[in-house]
Amino acid sequence: MRSLKHWSVVSFLVPTASYAWNMPVGVTDVSGDIYRLHMTIFWICVAIGLLVFGAMFYSLFRYRHAKGAKAAHFHENTLVEVLWTAIPVLILIAMAVPATATLKQMYNPSDADLDVMITGQQWRWRYEYMGENVAFISSLSTPQVQINGEEARGETYLLDVDNPLVLPVNRKVRFLMTSDDVIHSWWVPELAVKQDAVPGFINENWVRINEPGIYRGQCAELCGMDHGFMPVVVHAMEQEAFDKWFAERKAAAEKEISGIDRDWKLAELMERGQATYEAICASCHQPDGGGSPPAFPALAGNEQLIADQAWHLDRVLNGVSGAAMPAFRNTLNPVELAAVVTYTRNAWGNDAGDVVQPLTVQELIAQ
């Protein structure tokens, strides 16, 4: 995202300058085509505007009443009528040909090298590399003290995440987009991708990034209380760097799965659960567990939560029908689920004293 303070007239006309008042050229072939199409149609509109308003103001000045001009009286002119119909049609055809070619390219996700499922959730994104057993949640990582105005805001205020989507450059990546709750919209301007994520539907889009770098965007569909706290960050890497990152991520996922069968200690689960809670739950139930009643009840001092572990697990796994609480059984893995339940049962003075093991959660999910 680029700062408005660097704008100049040159930046509006020259595609290599800042884009505060214009759309970015971007870092994909499609984004470049969209930019060029946009500028072509823009200048056509400018030319039409100059001709129409020039003729109008010339006529108003040249044939004004003060100079004794008298209006001509005629009712039909076949040539003029043919021209003012044919010329706009030809202009529209001239616009439609390149626009159609660009649209065909935009909506052709076939022959992709990599498939990524993007799932919108209030208020975060879940990324899954299809067929690779690698998935993770991407949440806002801007410090709360900056949001509260207690510290100076950084250059990427509200545009930082804990886990960016990592993609290789020069490879075609197909996006499959859906949502677990309400309609979201995944938007990264420099990739020329803006696609709605709709519950119950899967939409497609794709990208081939030409340049390594970090590209930022946001949810572009009003999706509730924390809509403005749902950034998108894409980290594009060279193939060698991506392969290394992916191998490490896959190894970590396999290690996580292998940890389901062992008995976890309370301290381990509390540490892991705190991280999961702060990334996933704190936006609704607040960092101190105080909640935002009535929509988001307090967890701290919640007697039913402390007394009934089965009820607590059911709410986390299956959600609450008719309420803002979603089901997390398909969002978090058994280790994360066990950790966050254990954490909320023993944090903020709740002191339930029990431990929920990942194996128990896995068995409940399998039922």
Protein backbone atom coordinates (compact mmCIF):
# COMPACT_ATOMS: atom_id res chain seq x y z
CA MET A 1 0.00 0.00 0.00
CA ARG A 2 1.48 3.31 -1.00
CA SER A 3 1.45 6.61 0.87
CA LEU A 4 -0.60 9.57 -0.37
CA LYS A 5 2.15 12.02 0.54
CA HIS A 6 4.26 10.98 -2.48
CA TRP A 7 1.60 11.86 -5.03
CA SER A 8 2.32 14.23 -7.87
CA VAL A 9 0.85 14.96 -11.29
CA VAL A 10 3.58 12.81 -12.80
CA SER A 11 2.50 9.85 -10.65
CA PHE A 12 -0.95 10.02 -12.25
CA LEU A 13 0.44 9.82 -15.76
CA VAL A 14 3.57 7.70 -15.39
CA PRO A 15 3.06 4.07 -14.30
CA THR A 16 6.40 3.83 -12.47
CA ALA A 17 5.51 6.50 -9.89
CA SER A 18 3.31 6.34 -6.79
CA TYR A 19 -0.27 5.24 -7.30
CA ALA A 20 -2.16 7.28 -4.73
CA TRP A 21 -4.59 8.62 -7.34
CA ASN A 22 -4.44 5.77 -9.80
CA MET A 23 -4.51 2.00 -9.76
CA PRO A 24 -1.16 0.14 -9.53
CA VAL A 25 0.50 -1.52 -12.48
CA GLY A 26 1.08 -4.46 -10.15
CA VAL A 27 3.45 -7.40 -10.40
CA THR A 28 1.52 -9.82 -12.61
CA ASP A 29 0.85 -9.92 -16.35
CA VAL A 30 -2.87 -9.62 -15.69
CA SER A 31 -2.45 -6.57 -13.45
CA GLY A 32 -0.39 -4.90 -16.17
CA ASP A 33 -3.05 -5.70 -18.79
CA ILE A 34 -5.76 -4.30 -16.51
CA TYR A 35 -3.76 -1.12 -15.94
CA ARG A 36 -3.17 -0.58 -19.66
CA LEU A 37 -6.83 -1.27 -20.43
CA HIS A 38 -7.86 1.16 -17.71
CA MET A 39 -5.59 3.91 -19.06
CA THR A 40 -6.68 3.30 -22.68
CA ILE A 41 -10.35 3.67 -21.80
CA PHE A 42 -9.55 6.62 -19.53
CA TRP A 43 -7.91 8.55 -22.39
CA ILE A 44 -10.75 7.63 -24.77
CA CYS A 45 -13.15 9.12 -22.22
CA VAL A 46 -10.94 12.20 -21.89
CA ALA A 47 -10.93 12.67 -25.69
CA ILE A 48 -14.71 12.27 -25.89
CA GLY A 49 -15.17 14.73 -23.03
CA LEU A 50 -12.91 17.31 -24.65
CA LEU A 51 -14.71 17.01 -28.01
CA VAL A 52 -18.21 17.14 -26.55
CA PHE A 53 -17.61 19.94 -24.06
CA GLY A 54 -15.37 21.81 -26.51
CA ALA A 55 -18.10 21.78 -29.15
CA MET A 56 -20.70 22.77 -26.57
CA PHE A 57 -18.76 25.69 -25.12
CA TYR A 58 -17.65 26.85 -28.59
CA SER A 59 -21.26 26.89 -29.74
CA LEU A 60 -22.40 28.72 -26.63
CA PHE A 61 -19.73 31.39 -27.16
CA ARG A 62 -19.76 31.65 -30.95
CA TYR A 63 -23.53 31.70 -31.40
CA ARG A 64 -24.59 33.59 -28.31
CA HIS A 65 -27.66 35.79 -28.35
CA ALA A 66 -25.61 38.91 -27.50
CA LYS A 67 -24.00 38.70 -30.96
CA GLY A 68 -27.37 38.50 -32.66
CA ALA A 69 -27.25 34.78 -33.47
CA LYS A 70 -30.56 33.21 -34.42
CA ALA A 71 -31.30 29.54 -34.02
CA ALA A 72 -31.80 27.45 -37.15
CA HIS A 73 -35.01 25.42 -37.42
CA PHE A 74 -34.72 21.87 -38.78
CA HIS A 75 -36.11 18.53 -37.65
CA GLU A 76 -34.31 15.74 -39.51
CA ASN A 77 -30.80 15.06 -40.75
CA THR A 78 -30.22 11.44 -41.70
CA LEU A 79 -26.44 11.77 -41.98
CA VAL A 80 -26.10 13.28 -38.50
CA GLU A 81 -28.36 10.61 -36.98
CA VAL A 82 -26.35 7.83 -38.62
CA LEU A 83 -23.07 9.34 -37.44
CA TRP A 84 -24.11 9.87 -33.83
CA THR A 85 -25.23 6.24 -33.71
CA ALA A 86 -22.37 4.62 -35.62
CA ILE A 87 -19.48 6.48 -33.94
CA PRO A 88 -20.44 5.46 -30.35
CA VAL A 89 -20.95 1.87 -31.51
CA LEU A 90 -17.47 1.81 -33.07
CA ILE A 91 -15.98 3.31 -29.90
CA LEU A 92 -17.68 0.65 -27.76
CA ILE A 93 -16.39 -2.10 -30.05
CA ALA A 94 -12.87 -0.65 -29.81
CA MET A 95 -13.19 -0.81 -26.01
CA ALA A 96 -14.81 -4.24 -25.92
CA VAL A 97 -12.13 -6.09 -27.92
CA PRO A 98 -9.20 -5.57 -25.50
CA ALA A 99 -11.56 -5.76 -22.49
CA THR A 100 -12.84 -9.17 -23.59
CA ALA A 101 -9.31 -10.47 -24.12
CA THR A 102 -8.31 -9.31 -20.62
CA LEU A 103 -11.43 -10.81 -19.02
CA LYS A 104 -10.80 -14.15 -20.72
CA GLN A 105 -7.29 -14.19 -19.29
CA MET A 106 -8.51 -13.18 -15.81
CA TYR A 107 -11.05 -16.00 -15.65
CA ASN A 108 -8.82 -18.82 -16.86
CA PRO A 109 -7.46 -20.65 -13.78
CA SER A 110 -6.70 -23.86 -15.69
CA ASP A 111 -3.28 -25.57 -15.74
CA ALA A 112 -2.27 -24.26 -12.33
CA ASP A 113 0.97 -25.41 -10.70
CA LEU A 114 -0.35 -24.98 -7.16
CA ASP A 115 -3.84 -24.87 -5.60
CA VAL A 116 -4.53 -22.84 -2.45
CA MET A 117 -7.83 -22.88 -0.57
CA ILE A 118 -8.58 -19.48 1.01
CA THR A 119 -11.28 -19.46 3.67
CA GLY A 120 -12.58 -16.24 5.16
CA GLN A 121 -13.47 -16.23 8.85
CA GLN A 122 -14.44 -13.41 11.18
CA TRP A 123 -11.81 -11.86 11.20
CA ARG A 124 -8.93 -13.79 9.75
CA TRP A 125 -7.95 -15.92 6.77
CA ARG A 126 -7.20 -19.63 6.59
CA TYR A 127 -4.83 -20.87 3.89
CA GLU A 128 -4.57 -24.51 2.84
CA TYR A 129 -2.14 -25.81 0.24
CA MET A 130 -4.34 -28.45 -1.37
CA GLY A 131 -3.06 -32.00 -1.26
CA GLU A 132 0.03 -31.05 0.76
CA ASN A 133 -1.26 -31.29 4.35
CA VAL A 134 -0.18 -27.71 5.04
CA ALA A 135 -2.71 -25.23 6.43
CA PHE A 136 -2.59 -22.28 8.80
CA ILE A 137 -4.47 -19.25 10.07
CA SER A 138 -3.38 -15.71 9.15
CA SER A 139 -4.43 -13.03 11.67
CA LEU A 140 -3.69 -9.38 12.29
CA SER A 141 -0.43 -8.93 14.19
CA THR A 142 -0.45 -5.15 14.74
CA PRO A 143 0.25 -4.63 18.47
CA GLN A 144 -2.78 -3.72 20.55
CA VAL A 145 -0.89 -0.74 22.00
CA GLN A 146 -0.73 0.79 18.51
CA ILE A 147 -4.44 0.17 17.97
CA ASN A 148 -5.16 1.82 21.33
CA GLY A 149 -3.02 4.82 20.38
CA GLU A 150 -0.52 4.16 23.17
CA GLU A 151 2.42 3.82 20.74
CA ALA A 152 3.27 5.41 17.41
CA ARG A 153 1.73 3.57 14.48
CA GLY A 154 4.07 1.84 12.07
CA GLU A 155 4.16 2.21 8.31
CA THR A 156 2.17 -1.01 7.87
CA TYR A 157 -0.34 -0.25 10.62
CA LEU A 158 -3.24 -2.77 10.41
CA LEU A 159 -1.53 -4.42 7.43
CA ASP A 160 0.71 -6.93 9.26
CA VAL A 161 -0.15 -10.58 9.91
CA ASP A 162 1.42 -13.38 11.90
CA ASN A 163 1.41 -15.89 9.01
CA PRO A 164 1.49 -14.46 5.47
CA LEU A 165 0.48 -16.50 2.45
CA VAL A 166 3.75 -17.62 0.84
CA LEU A 167 3.81 -18.23 -2.92
CA PRO A 168 6.50 -18.94 -5.52
CA VAL A 169 7.14 -16.46 -8.31
CA ASN A 170 6.69 -17.38 -11.99
CA ARG A 171 4.27 -20.22 -11.18
CA LYS A 172 0.53 -20.21 -11.77
CA VAL A 173 -1.36 -20.47 -8.49
CA ARG A 174 -5.09 -21.16 -8.43
CA PHE A 175 -7.13 -19.79 -5.53
CA LEU A 176 -10.27 -21.56 -4.31
CA MET A 177 -12.18 -19.14 -2.10
CA THR A 178 -14.99 -19.71 0.37
CA SER A 179 -16.13 -18.56 3.81
CA ASP A 180 -17.10 -20.18 7.09
CA ASP A 181 -19.49 -17.42 8.22
CA VAL A 182 -20.33 -14.25 6.26
CA ILE A 183 -19.24 -12.85 2.89
CA HIS A 184 -15.64 -11.67 2.79
CA SER A 185 -13.55 -10.41 -0.13
CA TRP A 186 -9.86 -11.25 -0.58
CA TRP A 187 -8.17 -8.25 -2.21
CA VAL A 188 -4.53 -7.57 -3.05
CA PRO A 189 -4.30 -4.61 -5.48
CA GLU A 190 -0.79 -5.30 -6.80
CA LEU A 191 -1.80 -8.87 -7.72
CA ALA A 192 -5.03 -7.69 -9.42
CA VAL A 193 -7.00 -10.23 -7.39
CA LYS A 194 -10.26 -9.25 -5.71
CA GLN A 195 -12.59 -12.18 -5.14
CA ASP A 196 -15.59 -12.66 -2.87
CA ALA A 197 -15.48 -15.53 -0.38
CA VAL A 198 -19.10 -16.68 0.02
CA PRO A 199 -20.39 -19.26 2.54
CA GLY A 200 -21.45 -22.46 0.80
CA PHE A 201 -19.81 -21.55 -2.52
CA ILE A 202 -16.32 -21.90 -3.96
CA ASN A 203 -15.07 -19.12 -6.25
CA GLU A 204 -11.94 -19.37 -8.37
CA ASN A 205 -9.19 -16.93 -9.20
CA TRP A 206 -5.51 -17.21 -10.01
CA VAL A 207 -2.21 -15.38 -10.02
CA ARG A 208 1.28 -15.65 -11.47
CA ILE A 209 3.60 -13.25 -9.65
CA ASN A 210 6.56 -11.93 -11.61
CA GLU A 211 8.58 -10.28 -8.84
CA PRO A 212 9.53 -11.41 -5.32
CA GLY A 213 8.26 -9.18 -2.57
CA ILE A 214 5.62 -8.60 0.09
CA TYR A 215 2.22 -7.49 -1.19
CA ARG A 216 -0.52 -6.27 1.11
CA GLY A 217 -4.28 -6.00 0.89
CA GLN A 218 -7.42 -6.19 2.97
CA CYS A 219 -10.85 -7.72 3.20
CA ALA A 220 -12.93 -5.58 0.84
CA GLU A 221 -16.41 -6.68 1.97
CA LEU A 222 -18.01 -5.31 5.13
CA CYS A 223 -18.01 -8.43 7.32
CA GLY A 224 -18.75 -7.28 10.85
CA MET A 225 -17.23 -5.57 13.85
CA ASP A 226 -13.55 -6.16 13.03
CA HIS A 227 -13.76 -5.85 9.24
CA GLY A 228 -11.00 -3.23 9.32
CA PHE A 229 -8.69 -5.65 11.19
CA MET A 230 -8.57 -8.37 8.51
CA PRO A 231 -5.49 -7.71 6.35
CA VAL A 232 -4.04 -9.89 3.62
CA VAL A 233 -0.28 -10.32 3.22
CA VAL A 234 1.31 -12.31 0.39
CA HIS A 235 5.03 -13.08 0.47
CA ALA A 236 6.30 -14.01 -3.00
CA MET A 237 9.59 -15.91 -3.08
CA GLU A 238 11.95 -17.35 -5.62
CA GLN A 239 11.32 -21.03 -6.20
CA GLU A 240 14.33 -22.23 -4.20
CA ALA A 241 13.39 -20.14 -1.16
CA PHE A 242 9.76 -21.23 -1.44
CA ASP A 243 10.72 -24.91 -1.58
CA LYS A 244 12.79 -24.49 1.58
CA TRP A 245 9.97 -22.67 3.41
CA PHE A 246 7.42 -25.22 2.27
CA ALA A 247 9.54 -28.17 3.40
CA GLU A 248 9.93 -26.59 6.85
CA ARG A 249 6.22 -25.87 7.07
CA LYS A 250 5.34 -29.40 6.02
CA ALA A 251 7.74 -30.90 8.54
CA ALA A 252 6.21 -28.74 11.28
CA ALA A 253 2.72 -29.92 10.29
CA GLU A 254 3.79 -33.55 10.39
CA LYS A 255 5.40 -33.02 13.79
CA GLU A 256 2.15 -31.46 15.02
CA ILE A 257 0.14 -34.45 13.84
CA SER A 258 2.57 -36.86 15.49
CA GLY A 259 2.10 -34.97 18.76
CA ILE A 260 -1.59 -35.84 18.99
CA ASP A 261 -0.94 -39.25 20.54
CA ARG A 262 1.27 -38.13 23.42
CA ASP A 263 0.17 -36.75 26.77
CA TRP A 264 0.68 -32.99 26.96
CA LYS A 265 1.48 -31.24 30.21
CA LEU A 266 -0.58 -28.35 31.50
CA ALA A 267 2.25 -25.83 31.03
CA GLU A 268 2.73 -26.87 27.38
CA LEU A 269 -0.95 -26.56 26.59
CA MET A 270 -1.23 -23.23 28.40
CA GLU A 271 1.63 -21.75 26.36
CA ARG A 272 0.25 -23.04 23.08
CA GLY A 273 -3.31 -22.17 24.05
CA GLN A 274 -2.44 -18.57 24.87
CA ALA A 275 -0.94 -18.06 21.41
CA THR A 276 -3.98 -19.62 19.75
CA TYR A 277 -6.40 -17.61 21.90
CA GLU A 278 -4.68 -14.30 21.14
CA ALA A 279 -4.66 -15.03 17.41
CA ILE A 280 -8.17 -16.48 17.07
CA CYS A 281 -10.39 -15.67 20.04
CA ALA A 282 -9.26 -12.38 21.58
CA SER A 283 -10.90 -10.19 18.92
CA CYS A 284 -14.33 -11.29 20.21
CA HIS A 285 -13.80 -12.44 23.81
CA GLN A 286 -11.11 -9.80 24.53
CA PRO A 287 -7.48 -10.47 25.61
CA ASP A 288 -8.49 -10.58 29.28
CA GLY A 289 -11.42 -12.94 28.69
CA GLY A 290 -13.89 -10.22 29.62
CA GLY A 291 -15.93 -10.63 26.43
CA SER A 292 -18.32 -8.12 24.86
CA PRO A 293 -21.75 -9.20 26.14
CA PRO A 294 -24.29 -10.08 24.97
CA ALA A 295 -22.84 -11.12 21.60
CA PHE A 296 -19.55 -12.41 23.03
CA PRO A 297 -19.92 -13.65 26.62
CA ALA A 298 -17.12 -13.38 29.13
CA LEU A 299 -14.92 -16.44 29.56
CA ALA A 300 -13.20 -15.22 32.71
CA GLY A 301 -15.25 -16.34 35.69
CA ASN A 302 -17.72 -18.23 33.49
CA GLU A 303 -19.10 -20.82 35.92
CA GLN A 304 -20.65 -23.08 33.26
CA LEU A 305 -17.41 -23.16 31.29
CA ILE A 306 -15.41 -24.08 34.39
CA ALA A 307 -17.87 -26.71 35.65
CA ASP A 308 -18.72 -28.52 32.40
CA GLN A 309 -15.78 -29.55 30.20
CA ALA A 310 -18.02 -31.45 27.76
CA TRP A 311 -20.22 -28.38 27.24
CA HIS A 312 -17.11 -26.24 26.70
CA LEU A 313 -15.66 -28.64 24.11
CA ASP A 314 -18.97 -28.83 22.26
CA ARG A 315 -19.16 -25.04 21.94
CA VAL A 316 -15.62 -24.78 20.59
CA LEU A 317 -15.90 -27.73 18.19
CA ASN A 318 -19.44 -27.19 16.89
CA GLY A 319 -20.12 -23.50 17.49
CA VAL A 320 -23.39 -22.01 18.67
CA SER A 321 -26.34 -22.02 16.27
CA GLY A 322 -27.82 -18.57 15.72
CA ALA A 323 -24.92 -16.82 17.43
CA ALA A 324 -21.60 -15.34 16.35
CA MET A 325 -19.64 -18.32 17.70
CA PRO A 326 -18.41 -20.41 14.72
CA ALA A 327 -17.41 -24.08 14.73
CA PHE A 328 -13.66 -24.58 14.91
CA ARG A 329 -13.50 -28.35 14.34
CA ASN A 330 -12.38 -27.87 10.72
CA THR A 331 -10.39 -24.68 11.32
CA LEU A 332 -7.93 -25.63 14.07
CA ASN A 333 -6.08 -28.92 14.48
CA PRO A 334 -6.61 -31.14 17.55
CA VAL A 335 -3.50 -29.78 19.30
CA GLU A 336 -4.64 -26.17 18.88
CA LEU A 337 -8.17 -27.03 19.97
CA ALA A 338 -7.03 -28.89 23.07
CA ALA A 339 -4.61 -26.11 23.93
CA VAL A 340 -7.10 -23.25 23.62
CA VAL A 341 -9.76 -25.11 25.62
CA THR A 342 -7.23 -25.92 28.33
CA TYR A 343 -6.03 -22.32 28.35
CA THR A 344 -9.48 -20.75 28.68
CA ARG A 345 -10.37 -23.20 31.46
CA ASN A 346 -7.29 -22.25 33.51
CA ALA A 347 -6.54 -18.60 32.65
CA TRP A 348 -7.77 -15.35 34.28
CA GLY A 349 -8.40 -17.11 37.59
CA ASN A 350 -10.73 -19.78 36.17
CA ASP A 351 -8.43 -22.50 37.58
CA ALA A 352 -10.49 -25.50 36.48
CA GLY A 353 -7.35 -27.55 37.03
CA ASP A 354 -8.03 -30.04 34.22
CA VAL A 355 -6.20 -30.74 30.97
CA VAL A 356 -7.79 -31.52 27.61
CA GLN A 357 -5.59 -33.82 25.55
CA PRO A 358 -5.37 -33.55 21.73
CA LEU A 359 -6.25 -37.24 21.39
CA THR A 360 -9.55 -36.60 23.18
CA VAL A 361 -10.35 -33.80 20.78
CA GLN A 362 -9.46 -35.94 17.78
CA GLU A 363 -11.83 -38.66 18.95
CA LEU A 364 -14.64 -36.12 19.38
CA ILE A 365 -14.04 -34.75 15.86
CA ALA A 366 -14.16 -38.29 14.42
CA GLN A 367 -17.58 -39.01 15.97
